């Protein structure tokens, strides 16, 4: 009996170092996961702040702010502190102002390739993070897909604004053919996102722009044809 107890105790003593080593590894892994979640969430917030209200709807911003506050709650529950966690009060205030309609709206449009690249990079990061949201929060896949559609439309709308800006410069330089081509590409982009209700208004505007340029081009063509005869 004594021998059996001794064997068991010896076995347990051999397991203790393995157990403590496993415990330490789990603690290190947990810290890495929490740190990664905090860093990703802070970058998501930065990406949201970069994008004009023209491209992200109030509904989508509310969705992301609520998600970020959820993440902060999870991090605090795990006793994890970071720069991102310290922004809880700021995010609560921002969400309250946004929901109440008191938040100032900034509807700036992309006007250069550099601005488009920045907005495009931010939107791509947001899309990538959206695929991780179901892993961190119990949320309907239907809701996630809905916001994915809106973010993709935001990318198309930003590209539309860039093309329209470039087309305007072409018109100023009497390059109506190039301007018309850019307007048509912009129209195609928006028409591919017809499931978004606000796209209809953009379609009408672009169709009007195209018609204006076509009238000038065709009238110019009609005038030159008799001269050739």
C-alpha atoms as a PDB file:
ATOM      1  CA  UNK A   1       0.000   0.000   0.000  1.00  0.00           C
ATOM      2  CA  UNK A   2       2.761   2.392   0.972  1.00  0.00           C
ATOM      3  CA  UNK A   3       4.603   1.583  -2.230  1.00  0.00           C
ATOM      4  CA  UNK A   4       1.499   2.373  -4.288  1.00  0.00           C
ATOM      5  CA  UNK A   5       1.070   5.750  -2.595  1.00  0.00           C
ATOM      6  CA  UNK A   6       4.750   6.511  -3.181  1.00  0.00           C
ATOM      7  CA  UNK A   7       4.435   5.690  -6.872  1.00  0.00           C
ATOM      8  CA  UNK A   8       1.386   7.933  -7.215  1.00  0.00           C
ATOM      9  CA  UNK A   9       3.122  10.805  -5.418  1.00  0.00           C
ATOM     10  CA  UNK A  10       6.211  10.371  -7.591  1.00  0.00           C
ATOM     11  CA  UNK A  11       4.042  10.386 -10.702  1.00  0.00           C
ATOM     12  CA  UNK A  12       2.291  13.564  -9.598  1.00  0.00           C
ATOM     13  CA  UNK A  13       5.605  15.224  -8.840  1.00  0.00           C
ATOM     14  CA  UNK A  14       6.751  14.429 -12.374  1.00  0.00           C
ATOM     15  CA  UNK A  15       3.539  15.911 -13.801  1.00  0.00           C
ATOM     16  CA  UNK A  16       3.715  19.157 -11.852  1.00  0.00           C
ATOM     17  CA  UNK A  17       6.470  20.778 -13.983  1.00  0.00           C
ATOM     18  CA  UNK A  18       4.581  19.775 -17.144  1.00  0.00           C
ATOM     19  CA  UNK A  19       1.349  21.245 -15.756  1.00  0.00           C
ATOM     20  CA  UNK A  20       2.950  24.544 -14.760  1.00  0.00           C
ATOM     21  CA  UNK A  21       4.690  24.787 -18.126  1.00  0.00           C
ATOM     22  CA  UNK A  22       1.336  24.193 -19.891  1.00  0.00           C
ATOM     23  CA  UNK A  23      -0.319  26.768 -17.633  1.00  0.00           C
ATOM     24  CA  UNK A  24       2.314  29.342 -18.534  1.00  0.00           C
ATOM     25  CA  UNK A  25       1.944  28.616 -22.251  1.00  0.00           C
ATOM     26  CA  UNK A  26      -1.824  29.069 -21.985  1.00  0.00           C
ATOM     27  CA  UNK A  27      -1.356  32.389 -20.195  1.00  0.00           C
ATOM     28  CA  UNK A  28       1.080  33.631 -22.857  1.00  0.00           C
ATOM     29  CA  UNK A  29      -1.254  32.477 -25.654  1.00  0.00           C
ATOM     30  CA  UNK A  30      -4.203  34.194 -23.970  1.00  0.00           C
ATOM     31  CA  UNK A  31      -2.249  37.460 -23.697  1.00  0.00           C
ATOM     32  CA  UNK A  32      -1.310  37.257 -27.379  1.00  0.00           C
ATOM     33  CA  UNK A  33      -4.907  36.679 -28.435  1.00  0.00           C
ATOM     34  CA  UNK A  34      -6.167  39.562 -26.294  1.00  0.00           C
ATOM     35  CA  UNK A  35      -3.404  41.838 -27.566  1.00  0.00           C
ATOM     36  CA  UNK A  36      -4.217  40.922 -31.171  1.00  0.00           C
ATOM     37  CA  UNK A  37      -7.932  41.556 -30.616  1.00  0.00           C
ATOM     38  CA  UNK A  38      -7.192  44.928 -29.033  1.00  0.00           C
ATOM     39  CA  UNK A  39      -4.832  45.972 -31.846  1.00  0.00           C
ATOM     40  CA  UNK A  40      -7.246  44.873 -34.572  1.00  0.00           C
ATOM     41  CA  UNK A  41     -10.109  46.726 -32.916  1.00  0.00           C
ATOM     42  CA  UNK A  42      -8.071  49.917 -32.553  1.00  0.00           C
ATOM     43  CA  UNK A  43      -7.157  49.772 -36.225  1.00  0.00           C
ATOM     44  CA  UNK A  44     -10.827  49.189 -37.082  1.00  0.00           C
ATOM     45  CA  UNK A  45     -11.729  52.345 -35.162  1.00  0.00           C
ATOM     46  CA  UNK A  46      -8.990  54.264 -36.968  1.00  0.00           C
ATOM     47  CA  UNK A  47     -10.323  53.012 -40.317  1.00  0.00           C
ATOM     48  CA  UNK A  48     -13.851  54.126 -39.434  1.00  0.00           C
ATOM     49  CA  UNK A  49     -12.580  57.584 -38.504  1.00  0.00           C
ATOM     50  CA  UNK A  50     -10.831  57.907 -41.868  1.00  0.00           C
ATOM     51  CA  UNK A  51     -13.973  57.383 -43.941  1.00  0.00           C
ATOM     52  CA  UNK A  52     -16.380  60.189 -44.784  1.00  0.00           C
ATOM     53  CA  UNK A  53     -20.049  59.952 -43.798  1.00  0.00           C
ATOM     54  CA  UNK A  54     -20.809  59.924 -47.520  1.00  0.00           C
ATOM     55  CA  UNK A  55     -19.416  56.401 -47.747  1.00  0.00           C
ATOM     56  CA  UNK A  56     -20.490  54.820 -44.451  1.00  0.00           C
ATOM     57  CA  UNK A  57     -24.128  55.082 -43.397  1.00  0.00           C
ATOM     58  CA  UNK A  58     -25.215  55.949 -39.864  1.00  0.00           C
ATOM     59  CA  UNK A  59     -26.589  52.418 -39.555  1.00  0.00           C
ATOM     60  CA  UNK A  60     -23.208  50.857 -40.362  1.00  0.00           C
ATOM     61  CA  UNK A  61     -21.295  53.161 -38.026  1.00  0.00           C
ATOM     62  CA  UNK A  62     -23.677  52.333 -35.162  1.00  0.00           C
ATOM     63  CA  UNK A  63     -23.154  48.632 -35.882  1.00  0.00           C
ATOM     64  CA  UNK A  64     -19.362  48.938 -35.679  1.00  0.00           C
ATOM     65  CA  UNK A  65     -19.325  51.183 -32.607  1.00  0.00           C
ATOM     66  CA  UNK A  66     -21.554  48.740 -30.750  1.00  0.00           C
ATOM     67  CA  UNK A  67     -19.249  45.917 -31.789  1.00  0.00           C
ATOM     68  CA  UNK A  68     -16.148  47.800 -30.600  1.00  0.00           C
ATOM     69  CA  UNK A  69     -17.792  48.483 -27.239  1.00  0.00           C
ATOM     70  CA  UNK A  70     -18.603  44.785 -26.995  1.00  0.00           C
ATOM     71  CA  UNK A  71     -14.917  43.983 -27.601  1.00  0.00           C
ATOM     72  CA  UNK A  72     -13.868  46.428 -24.875  1.00  0.00           C
ATOM     73  CA  UNK A  73     -16.281  44.701 -22.500  1.00  0.00           C
ATOM     74  CA  UNK A  74     -14.693  41.332 -23.293  1.00  0.00           C
ATOM     75  CA  UNK A  75     -11.183  42.710 -22.825  1.00  0.00           C
ATOM     76  CA  UNK A  76     -12.068  44.283 -19.471  1.00  0.00           C
ATOM     77  CA  UNK A  77     -13.700  41.048 -18.354  1.00  0.00           C
ATOM     78  CA  UNK A  78     -10.369  39.365 -19.057  1.00  0.00           C
ATOM     79  CA  UNK A  79      -8.584  42.088 -17.009  1.00  0.00           C
ATOM     80  CA  UNK A  80      -6.740  43.244 -20.110  1.00  0.00           C
ATOM     81  CA  UNK A  81      -5.758  46.907 -20.321  1.00  0.00           C
ATOM     82  CA  UNK A  82      -4.637  48.778 -23.426  1.00  0.00           C
ATOM     83  CA  UNK A  83      -4.862  52.148 -25.163  1.00  0.00           C
ATOM     84  CA  UNK A  84      -7.920  50.897 -27.026  1.00  0.00           C
ATOM     85  CA  UNK A  85      -9.703  49.801 -23.834  1.00  0.00           C
ATOM     86  CA  UNK A  86      -9.180  53.284 -22.372  1.00  0.00           C
ATOM     87  CA  UNK A  87     -11.306  54.706 -25.217  1.00  0.00           C
ATOM     88  CA  UNK A  88     -14.503  53.188 -23.831  1.00  0.00           C
ATOM     89  CA  UNK A  89     -15.939  56.487 -22.565  1.00  0.00           C
ATOM     90  CA  UNK A  90     -15.119  58.193 -25.873  1.00  0.00           C
ATOM     91  CA  UNK A  91     -16.867  55.452 -27.859  1.00  0.00           C
ATOM     92  CA  UNK A  92     -19.947  55.553 -25.603  1.00  0.00           C
ATOM     93  CA  UNK A  93     -20.171  59.322 -26.118  1.00  0.00           C
ATOM     94  CA  UNK A  94     -19.645  58.959 -29.878  1.00  0.00           C
ATOM     95  CA  UNK A  95     -22.350  56.295 -30.145  1.00  0.00           C
ATOM     96  CA  UNK A  96     -24.802  58.379 -28.106  1.00  0.00           C
ATOM     97  CA  UNK A  97     -24.193  61.465 -30.265  1.00  0.00           C
ATOM     98  CA  UNK A  98     -24.488  59.415 -33.457  1.00  0.00           C
ATOM     99  CA  UNK A  99     -27.784  57.791 -32.457  1.00  0.00           C
ATOM    100  CA  UNK A 100     -29.273  61.118 -31.334  1.00  0.00           C
ATOM    101  CA  UNK A 101     -28.314  62.824 -34.599  1.00  0.00           C
ATOM    102  CA  UNK A 102     -26.248  65.468 -32.811  1.00  0.00           C
ATOM    103  CA  UNK A 103     -22.983  64.312 -34.357  1.00  0.00           C
ATOM    104  CA  UNK A 104     -21.734  66.666 -37.066  1.00  0.00           C
ATOM    105  CA  UNK A 105     -21.910  65.070 -40.497  1.00  0.00           C
ATOM    106  CA  UNK A 106     -18.874  65.302 -42.804  1.00  0.00           C
ATOM    107  CA  UNK A 107     -19.755  64.264 -46.355  1.00  0.00           C
ATOM    108  CA  UNK A 108     -16.423  64.938 -48.038  1.00  0.00           C
ATOM    109  CA  UNK A 109     -15.875  63.258 -51.388  1.00  0.00           C
ATOM    110  CA  UNK A 110     -12.781  61.554 -52.749  1.00  0.00           C
ATOM    111  CA  UNK A 111     -11.072  64.066 -55.009  1.00  0.00           C
ATOM    112  CA  UNK A 112      -7.705  62.523 -55.782  1.00  0.00           C
ATOM    113  CA  UNK A 113      -6.033  59.158 -56.320  1.00  0.00           C
ATOM    114  CA  UNK A 114      -4.236  59.500 -52.980  1.00  0.00           C
ATOM    115  CA  UNK A 115      -7.500  60.048 -51.109  1.00  0.00           C
ATOM    116  CA  UNK A 116      -9.097  57.112 -52.896  1.00  0.00           C
ATOM    117  CA  UNK A 117      -6.180  54.829 -51.997  1.00  0.00           C
ATOM    118  CA  UNK A 118      -6.539  55.789 -48.321  1.00  0.00           C
ATOM    119  CA  UNK A 119     -10.296  55.227 -48.281  1.00  0.00           C
ATOM    120  CA  UNK A 120      -9.908  52.005 -50.253  1.00  0.00           C
ATOM    121  CA  UNK A 121      -7.338  50.670 -47.770  1.00  0.00           C
ATOM    122  CA  UNK A 122      -9.584  51.497 -44.812  1.00  0.00           C
ATOM    123  CA  UNK A 123     -12.621  49.851 -46.426  1.00  0.00           C
ATOM    124  CA  UNK A 124     -10.657  46.712 -47.268  1.00  0.00           C
ATOM    125  CA  UNK A 125      -9.531  46.415 -43.642  1.00  0.00           C
ATOM    126  CA  UNK A 126     -13.111  46.864 -42.432  1.00  0.00           C
ATOM    127  CA  UNK A 127     -14.309  44.117 -44.794  1.00  0.00           C
ATOM    128  CA  UNK A 128     -11.598  41.784 -43.567  1.00  0.00           C
ATOM    129  CA  UNK A 129     -12.487  42.406 -39.925  1.00  0.00           C
ATOM    130  CA  UNK A 130     -16.168  41.811 -40.606  1.00  0.00           C
ATOM    131  CA  UNK A 131     -15.351  38.184 -41.359  1.00  0.00           C
ATOM    132  CA  UNK A 132     -13.985  37.878 -37.805  1.00  0.00           C
ATOM    133  CA  UNK A 133     -17.012  39.401 -36.082  1.00  0.00           C
ATOM    134  CA  UNK A 134     -19.046  36.153 -35.865  1.00  0.00           C
ATOM    135  CA  UNK A 135     -16.076  34.564 -34.063  1.00  0.00           C
ATOM    136  CA  UNK A 136     -16.078  37.274 -31.397  1.00  0.00           C
ATOM    137  CA  UNK A 137     -19.761  38.022 -31.014  1.00  0.00           C
ATOM    138  CA  UNK A 138     -23.010  36.126 -31.480  1.00  0.00           C
ATOM    139  CA  UNK A 139     -24.488  38.110 -34.352  1.00  0.00           C
ATOM    140  CA  UNK A 140     -26.796  37.177 -37.201  1.00  0.00           C
ATOM    141  CA  UNK A 141     -25.024  36.311 -40.435  1.00  0.00           C
ATOM    142  CA  UNK A 142     -27.811  38.169 -42.231  1.00  0.00           C
ATOM    143  CA  UNK A 143     -26.852  41.409 -40.434  1.00  0.00           C
ATOM    144  CA  UNK A 144     -23.160  40.894 -41.192  1.00  0.00           C
ATOM    145  CA  UNK A 145     -23.888  40.249 -44.881  1.00  0.00           C
ATOM    146  CA  UNK A 146     -26.079  43.354 -44.991  1.00  0.00           C
ATOM    147  CA  UNK A 147     -23.232  45.547 -43.768  1.00  0.00           C
ATOM    148  CA  UNK A 148     -20.748  43.830 -46.080  1.00  0.00           C
ATOM    149  CA  UNK A 149     -22.988  44.898 -48.991  1.00  0.00           C
ATOM    150  CA  UNK A 150     -23.020  48.489 -47.679  1.00  0.00           C
ATOM    151  CA  UNK A 151     -19.235  48.588 -47.258  1.00  0.00           C
ATOM    152  CA  UNK A 152     -18.724  47.220 -50.783  1.00  0.00           C
ATOM    153  CA  UNK A 153     -21.072  49.894 -52.080  1.00  0.00           C
ATOM    154  CA  UNK A 154     -19.002  52.479 -50.181  1.00  0.00           C
ATOM    155  CA  UNK A 155     -15.964  51.356 -52.190  1.00  0.00           C
ATOM    156  CA  UNK A 156     -17.881  51.655 -55.466  1.00  0.00           C
ATOM    157  CA  UNK A 157     -19.172  55.093 -54.459  1.00  0.00           C
ATOM    158  CA  UNK A 158     -15.679  56.330 -53.600  1.00  0.00           C
ATOM    159  CA  UNK A 159     -14.391  55.107 -56.967  1.00  0.00           C
ATOM    160  CA  UNK A 160     -17.380  56.767 -58.633  1.00  0.00           C
ATOM    161  CA  UNK A 161     -16.437  60.093 -57.020  1.00  0.00           C
ATOM    162  CA  UNK A 162     -12.842  59.766 -58.214  1.00  0.00           C
ATOM    163  CA  UNK A 163     -13.952  59.007 -61.774  1.00  0.00           C
ATOM    164  CA  UNK A 164     -16.408  61.925 -61.795  1.00  0.00           C
ATOM    165  CA  UNK A 165     -13.679  64.252 -60.535  1.00  0.00           C
ATOM    166  CA  UNK A 166     -11.314  63.049 -63.273  1.00  0.00           C
ATOM    167  CA  UNK A 167     -14.078  63.353 -65.882  1.00  0.00           C
ATOM    168  CA  UNK A 168     -14.638  66.957 -64.827  1.00  0.00           C
ATOM    169  CA  UNK A 169     -10.968  67.706 -65.449  1.00  0.00           C
ATOM    170  CA  UNK A 170     -11.236  66.023 -68.857  1.00  0.00           C
ATOM    171  CA  UNK A 171     -14.171  68.270 -69.746  1.00  0.00           C
ATOM    172  CA  UNK A 172     -12.176  71.327 -68.692  1.00  0.00           C
ATOM    173  CA  UNK A 173      -9.455  70.198 -71.120  1.00  0.00           C
ATOM    174  CA  UNK A 174     -11.967  69.544 -73.924  1.00  0.00           C
ATOM    175  CA  UNK A 175     -11.509  65.762 -73.683  1.00  0.00           C
ATOM    176  CA  UNK A 176     -15.202  64.923 -73.836  1.00  0.00           C
ATOM    177  CA  UNK A 177     -14.656  61.390 -75.144  1.00  0.00           C
ATOM    178  CA  UNK A 178     -12.482  60.470 -72.153  1.00  0.00           C
ATOM    179  CA  UNK A 179     -14.941  62.130 -69.778  1.00  0.00           C
ATOM    180  CA  UNK A 180     -17.820  60.139 -71.250  1.00  0.00           C
ATOM    181  CA  UNK A 181     -15.926  56.880 -70.815  1.00  0.00           C
ATOM    182  CA  UNK A 182     -15.247  57.648 -67.130  1.00  0.00           C
ATOM    183  CA  UNK A 183     -18.896  58.531 -66.505  1.00  0.00           C
ATOM    184  CA  UNK A 184     -19.969  55.237 -68.089  1.00  0.00           C
ATOM    185  CA  UNK A 185     -17.535  53.238 -65.938  1.00  0.00           C
ATOM    186  CA  UNK A 186     -18.836  55.044 -62.848  1.00  0.00           C
ATOM    187  CA  UNK A 187     -22.422  54.248 -63.848  1.00  0.00           C
ATOM    188  CA  UNK A 188     -21.558  50.572 -64.299  1.00  0.00           C
ATOM    189  CA  UNK A 189     -20.005  50.452 -60.807  1.00  0.00           C
ATOM    190  CA  UNK A 190     -23.085  51.912 -59.166  1.00  0.00           C
ATOM    191  CA  UNK A 191     -25.518  49.776 -61.177  1.00  0.00           C
ATOM    192  CA  UNK A 192     -23.721  46.685 -59.881  1.00  0.00           C
ATOM    193  CA  UNK A 193     -24.860  47.752 -56.396  1.00  0.00           C
ATOM    194  CA  UNK A 194     -28.543  48.362 -57.135  1.00  0.00           C
ATOM    195  CA  UNK A 195     -29.541  46.410 -54.017  1.00  0.00           C
ATOM    196  CA  UNK A 196     -28.503  49.502 -52.008  1.00  0.00           C
ATOM    197  CA  UNK A 197     -31.417  51.945 -52.095  1.00  0.00           C
ATOM    198  CA  UNK A 198     -29.265  55.107 -52.201  1.00  0.00           C
ATOM    199  CA  UNK A 199     -27.617  53.852 -55.412  1.00  0.00           C
ATOM    200  CA  UNK A 200     -30.710  54.775 -57.416  1.00  0.00           C
ATOM    201  CA  UNK A 201     -30.132  58.470 -56.839  1.00  0.00           C
ATOM    202  CA  UNK A 202     -26.515  58.135 -57.991  1.00  0.00           C
ATOM    203  CA  UNK A 203     -27.613  56.228 -61.107  1.00  0.00           C
ATOM    204  CA  UNK A 204     -29.974  59.062 -62.094  1.00  0.00           C
ATOM    205  CA  UNK A 205     -27.238  61.668 -61.592  1.00  0.00           C
ATOM    206  CA  UNK A 206     -24.708  59.755 -63.657  1.00  0.00           C
ATOM    207  CA  UNK A 207     -27.210  59.106 -66.444  1.00  0.00           C
ATOM    208  CA  UNK A 208     -27.864  62.853 -66.572  1.00  0.00           C
ATOM    209  CA  UNK A 209     -24.117  63.591 -66.766  1.00  0.00           C
ATOM    210  CA  UNK A 210     -23.709  61.065 -69.575  1.00  0.00           C
ATOM    211  CA  UNK A 211     -26.616  62.528 -71.522  1.00  0.00           C
ATOM    212  CA  UNK A 212     -25.181  66.062 -71.222  1.00  0.00           C
ATOM    213  CA  UNK A 213     -21.805  64.972 -72.629  1.00  0.00           C
ATOM    214  CA  UNK A 214     -23.407  62.852 -75.368  1.00  0.00           C
ATOM    215  CA  UNK A 215     -25.522  65.810 -76.512  1.00  0.00           C
ATOM    216  CA  UNK A 216     -22.416  67.961 -76.919  1.00  0.00           C
ATOM    217  CA  UNK A 217     -20.472  65.194 -78.674  1.00  0.00           C
ATOM    218  CA  UNK A 218     -23.288  64.227 -81.043  1.00  0.00           C
ATOM    219  CA  UNK A 219     -24.170  67.834 -81.878  1.00  0.00           C
ATOM    220  CA  UNK A 220     -20.508  68.457 -82.660  1.00  0.00           C
ATOM    221  CA  UNK A 221     -20.458  65.333 -84.852  1.00  0.00           C
ATOM    222  CA  UNK A 222     -23.629  66.420 -86.676  1.00  0.00           C
ATOM    223  CA  UNK A 223     -22.083  69.791 -87.456  1.00  0.00           C
ATOM    224  CA  UNK A 224     -18.906  68.333 -88.891  1.00  0.00           C
ATOM    225  CA  UNK A 225     -20.643  65.781 -91.155  1.00  0.00           C
ATOM    226  CA  UNK A 226     -22.189  68.382 -93.589  1.00  0.00           C
ATOM    227  CA  UNK A 227     -18.797  70.070 -93.881  1.00  0.00           C
ATOM    228  CA  UNK A 228     -17.251  66.764 -94.939  1.00  0.00           C
ATOM    229  CA  UNK A 229     -19.906  66.301 -97.611  1.00  0.00           C
END
